[in-house]
Amino acid sequence: MSEPQLHSSIVAMVSLASGIAANHPAMGQCQLDRLRQAGVPEGQIALVIEIARHIRDEAAEKLDAAFDEAAGLTPPTETAVAAEGESCGCSTTKSGQSCC
């Protein structure tokens, strides 16, 4: 039995989002073209970009905070300690869109 295939627009969205979140230098131009050619509304594309940027920025902030704490630049915080036990860590983007 073969695995079900994802629609090409879903693959393009996942690729675009992961490229943004990973700071990939290609910046998703190919995926943007594919999504537009597939007729994906601009609002949905903008939402994917917003969520991906939010996840990227949040990861960078947490990494910086952990590094600063390890380097002794800041004292340990209750928030950082509590975040270690979280499995989801779901938050919202600037526009209020959930990233989960």
C-alpha atoms as a PDB file:
ATOM      1  CA  MET A   1       0.000   0.000   0.000  1.00  0.00           C
ATOM      2  CA  SER A   2       1.447   3.370  -0.991  1.00  0.00           C
ATOM      3  CA  GLU A   3       1.510   6.425   1.231  1.00  0.00           C
ATOM      4  CA  PRO A   4      -0.907   9.240   0.346  1.00  0.00           C
ATOM      5  CA  GLN A   5       0.740  12.165  -1.409  1.00  0.00           C
ATOM      6  CA  LEU A   6       0.453  15.755  -0.233  1.00  0.00           C
ATOM      7  CA  HIS A   7      -1.045  18.270  -2.626  1.00  0.00           C
ATOM      8  CA  SER A   8       1.664  20.322  -4.333  1.00  0.00           C
ATOM      9  CA  SER A   9       0.384  23.530  -2.716  1.00  0.00           C
ATOM     10  CA  ILE A  10       0.796  21.992   0.758  1.00  0.00           C
ATOM     11  CA  VAL A  11       4.338  20.920  -0.093  1.00  0.00           C
ATOM     12  CA  ALA A  12       5.083  24.457  -1.315  1.00  0.00           C
ATOM     13  CA  MET A  13       3.653  25.981   1.902  1.00  0.00           C
ATOM     14  CA  VAL A  14       5.691  23.642   4.107  1.00  0.00           C
ATOM     15  CA  SER A  15       8.811  24.339   2.070  1.00  0.00           C
ATOM     16  CA  LEU A  16       8.245  28.101   2.159  1.00  0.00           C
ATOM     17  CA  ALA A  17       7.628  28.119   5.920  1.00  0.00           C
ATOM     18  CA  SER A  18      10.584  25.901   6.752  1.00  0.00           C
ATOM     19  CA  GLY A  19      12.882  27.951   4.507  1.00  0.00           C
ATOM     20  CA  ILE A  20      11.858  31.155   6.258  1.00  0.00           C
ATOM     21  CA  ALA A  21      12.145  29.615   9.721  1.00  0.00           C
ATOM     22  CA  ALA A  22      15.607  28.280   8.850  1.00  0.00           C
ATOM     23  CA  ASN A  23      16.811  31.562   7.295  1.00  0.00           C
ATOM     24  CA  HIS A  24      17.457  29.732   4.024  1.00  0.00           C
ATOM     25  CA  PRO A  25      19.166  32.084   1.549  1.00  0.00           C
ATOM     26  CA  ALA A  26      16.843  31.176  -1.355  1.00  0.00           C
ATOM     27  CA  MET A  27      14.035  32.958   0.550  1.00  0.00           C
ATOM     28  CA  GLY A  28      11.260  30.775  -0.915  1.00  0.00           C
ATOM     29  CA  GLN A  29      10.901  32.550  -4.250  1.00  0.00           C
ATOM     30  CA  CYS A  30      10.218  29.291  -6.079  1.00  0.00           C
ATOM     31  CA  GLN A  31       7.574  28.292  -3.537  1.00  0.00           C
ATOM     32  CA  LEU A  32       5.904  31.704  -3.799  1.00  0.00           C
ATOM     33  CA  ASP A  33       5.615  31.252  -7.558  1.00  0.00           C
ATOM     34  CA  ARG A  34       4.189  27.737  -7.141  1.00  0.00           C
ATOM     35  CA  LEU A  35       1.628  28.882  -4.593  1.00  0.00           C
ATOM     36  CA  ARG A  36       0.485  31.747  -6.791  1.00  0.00           C
ATOM     37  CA  GLN A  37       0.271  29.496  -9.846  1.00  0.00           C
ATOM     38  CA  ALA A  38      -1.826  27.054  -7.789  1.00  0.00           C
ATOM     39  CA  GLY A  39      -4.244  29.882  -6.998  1.00  0.00           C
ATOM     40  CA  VAL A  40      -3.523  30.052  -3.274  1.00  0.00           C
ATOM     41  CA  PRO A  41      -4.934  33.369  -2.015  1.00  0.00           C
ATOM     42  CA  GLU A  42      -2.365  36.052  -1.129  1.00  0.00           C
ATOM     43  CA  GLY A  43      -3.830  36.286   2.379  1.00  0.00           C
ATOM     44  CA  GLN A  44      -3.047  32.630   3.030  1.00  0.00           C
ATOM     45  CA  ILE A  45       0.483  33.050   1.684  1.00  0.00           C
ATOM     46  CA  ALA A  46       0.971  36.089   3.932  1.00  0.00           C
ATOM     47  CA  LEU A  47      -0.265  34.076   6.916  1.00  0.00           C
ATOM     48  CA  VAL A  48       2.219  31.269   6.221  1.00  0.00           C
ATOM     49  CA  ILE A  49       5.007  33.853   6.028  1.00  0.00           C
ATOM     50  CA  GLU A  50       3.875  35.534   9.265  1.00  0.00           C
ATOM     51  CA  ILE A  51       3.755  32.258  11.196  1.00  0.00           C
ATOM     52  CA  ALA A  52       7.138  31.114   9.846  1.00  0.00           C
ATOM     53  CA  ARG A  53       8.775  34.420  10.770  1.00  0.00           C
ATOM     54  CA  HIS A  54       7.221  34.276  14.228  1.00  0.00           C
ATOM     55  CA  ILE A  55       8.591  30.771  14.839  1.00  0.00           C
ATOM     56  CA  ARG A  56      12.028  31.795  13.519  1.00  0.00           C
ATOM     57  CA  ASP A  57      12.153  34.927  15.669  1.00  0.00           C
ATOM     58  CA  GLU A  58      10.896  33.132  18.780  1.00  0.00           C
ATOM     59  CA  ALA A  59      13.520  30.407  18.366  1.00  0.00           C
ATOM     60  CA  ALA A  60      16.264  33.008  18.016  1.00  0.00           C
ATOM     61  CA  GLU A  61      15.080  34.845  21.137  1.00  0.00           C
ATOM     62  CA  LYS A  62      15.023  31.636  23.194  1.00  0.00           C
ATOM     63  CA  LEU A  63      18.448  30.610  21.912  1.00  0.00           C
ATOM     64  CA  ASP A  64      19.876  34.033  22.730  1.00  0.00           C
ATOM     65  CA  ALA A  65      18.352  33.962  26.225  1.00  0.00           C
ATOM     66  CA  ALA A  66      19.742  30.480  26.920  1.00  0.00           C
ATOM     67  CA  PHE A  67      23.185  31.535  25.674  1.00  0.00           C
ATOM     68  CA  ASP A  68      23.140  34.723  27.762  1.00  0.00           C
ATOM     69  CA  GLU A  69      22.153  32.701  30.824  1.00  0.00           C
ATOM     70  CA  ALA A  70      24.873  30.079  30.189  1.00  0.00           C
ATOM     71  CA  ALA A  71      27.436  32.837  29.679  1.00  0.00           C
ATOM     72  CA  GLY A  72      26.411  34.451  32.946  1.00  0.00           C
ATOM     73  CA  LEU A  73      25.194  37.599  31.222  1.00  0.00           C
ATOM     74  CA  THR A  74      21.737  37.281  32.787  1.00  0.00           C
ATOM     75  CA  PRO A  75      20.472  35.467  35.889  1.00  0.00           C
ATOM     76  CA  PRO A  76      18.331  32.335  35.465  1.00  0.00           C
ATOM     77  CA  THR A  77      14.679  33.218  35.050  1.00  0.00           C
ATOM     78  CA  GLU A  78      11.601  31.338  36.169  1.00  0.00           C
ATOM     79  CA  THR A  79      10.202  31.675  32.643  1.00  0.00           C
ATOM     80  CA  ALA A  80      13.250  30.015  31.085  1.00  0.00           C
ATOM     81  CA  VAL A  81      13.152  27.180  33.616  1.00  0.00           C
ATOM     82  CA  ALA A  82       9.409  26.655  33.101  1.00  0.00           C
ATOM     83  CA  ALA A  83       9.812  26.700  29.310  1.00  0.00           C
ATOM     84  CA  GLU A  84      12.189  23.735  29.464  1.00  0.00           C
ATOM     85  CA  GLY A  85       9.310  21.485  30.527  1.00  0.00           C
ATOM     86  CA  GLU A  86       6.846  22.684  27.891  1.00  0.00           C
ATOM     87  CA  SER A  87       6.124  20.349  25.022  1.00  0.00           C
ATOM     88  CA  CYS A  88       4.245  22.757  22.778  1.00  0.00           C
ATOM     89  CA  GLY A  89       5.139  26.323  23.706  1.00  0.00           C
ATOM     90  CA  CYS A  90       2.378  27.604  21.438  1.00  0.00           C
ATOM     91  CA  SER A  91       2.181  31.361  21.129  1.00  0.00           C
ATOM     92  CA  THR A  92       0.606  33.893  18.805  1.00  0.00           C
ATOM     93  CA  THR A  93       1.983  36.133  16.079  1.00  0.00           C
ATOM     94  CA  LYS A  94       1.801  39.944  16.178  1.00  0.00           C
ATOM     95  CA  SER A  95      -1.579  39.832  14.435  1.00  0.00           C
ATOM     96  CA  GLY A  96      -2.895  37.308  16.974  1.00  0.00           C
ATOM     97  CA  GLN A  97      -2.642  34.227  14.743  1.00  0.00           C
ATOM     98  CA  SER A  98      -1.834  31.042  16.673  1.00  0.00           C
ATOM     99  CA  CYS A  99       1.236  29.205  15.436  1.00  0.00           C
ATOM    100  CA  CYS A 100      -0.191  25.828  16.525  1.00  0.00           C
END
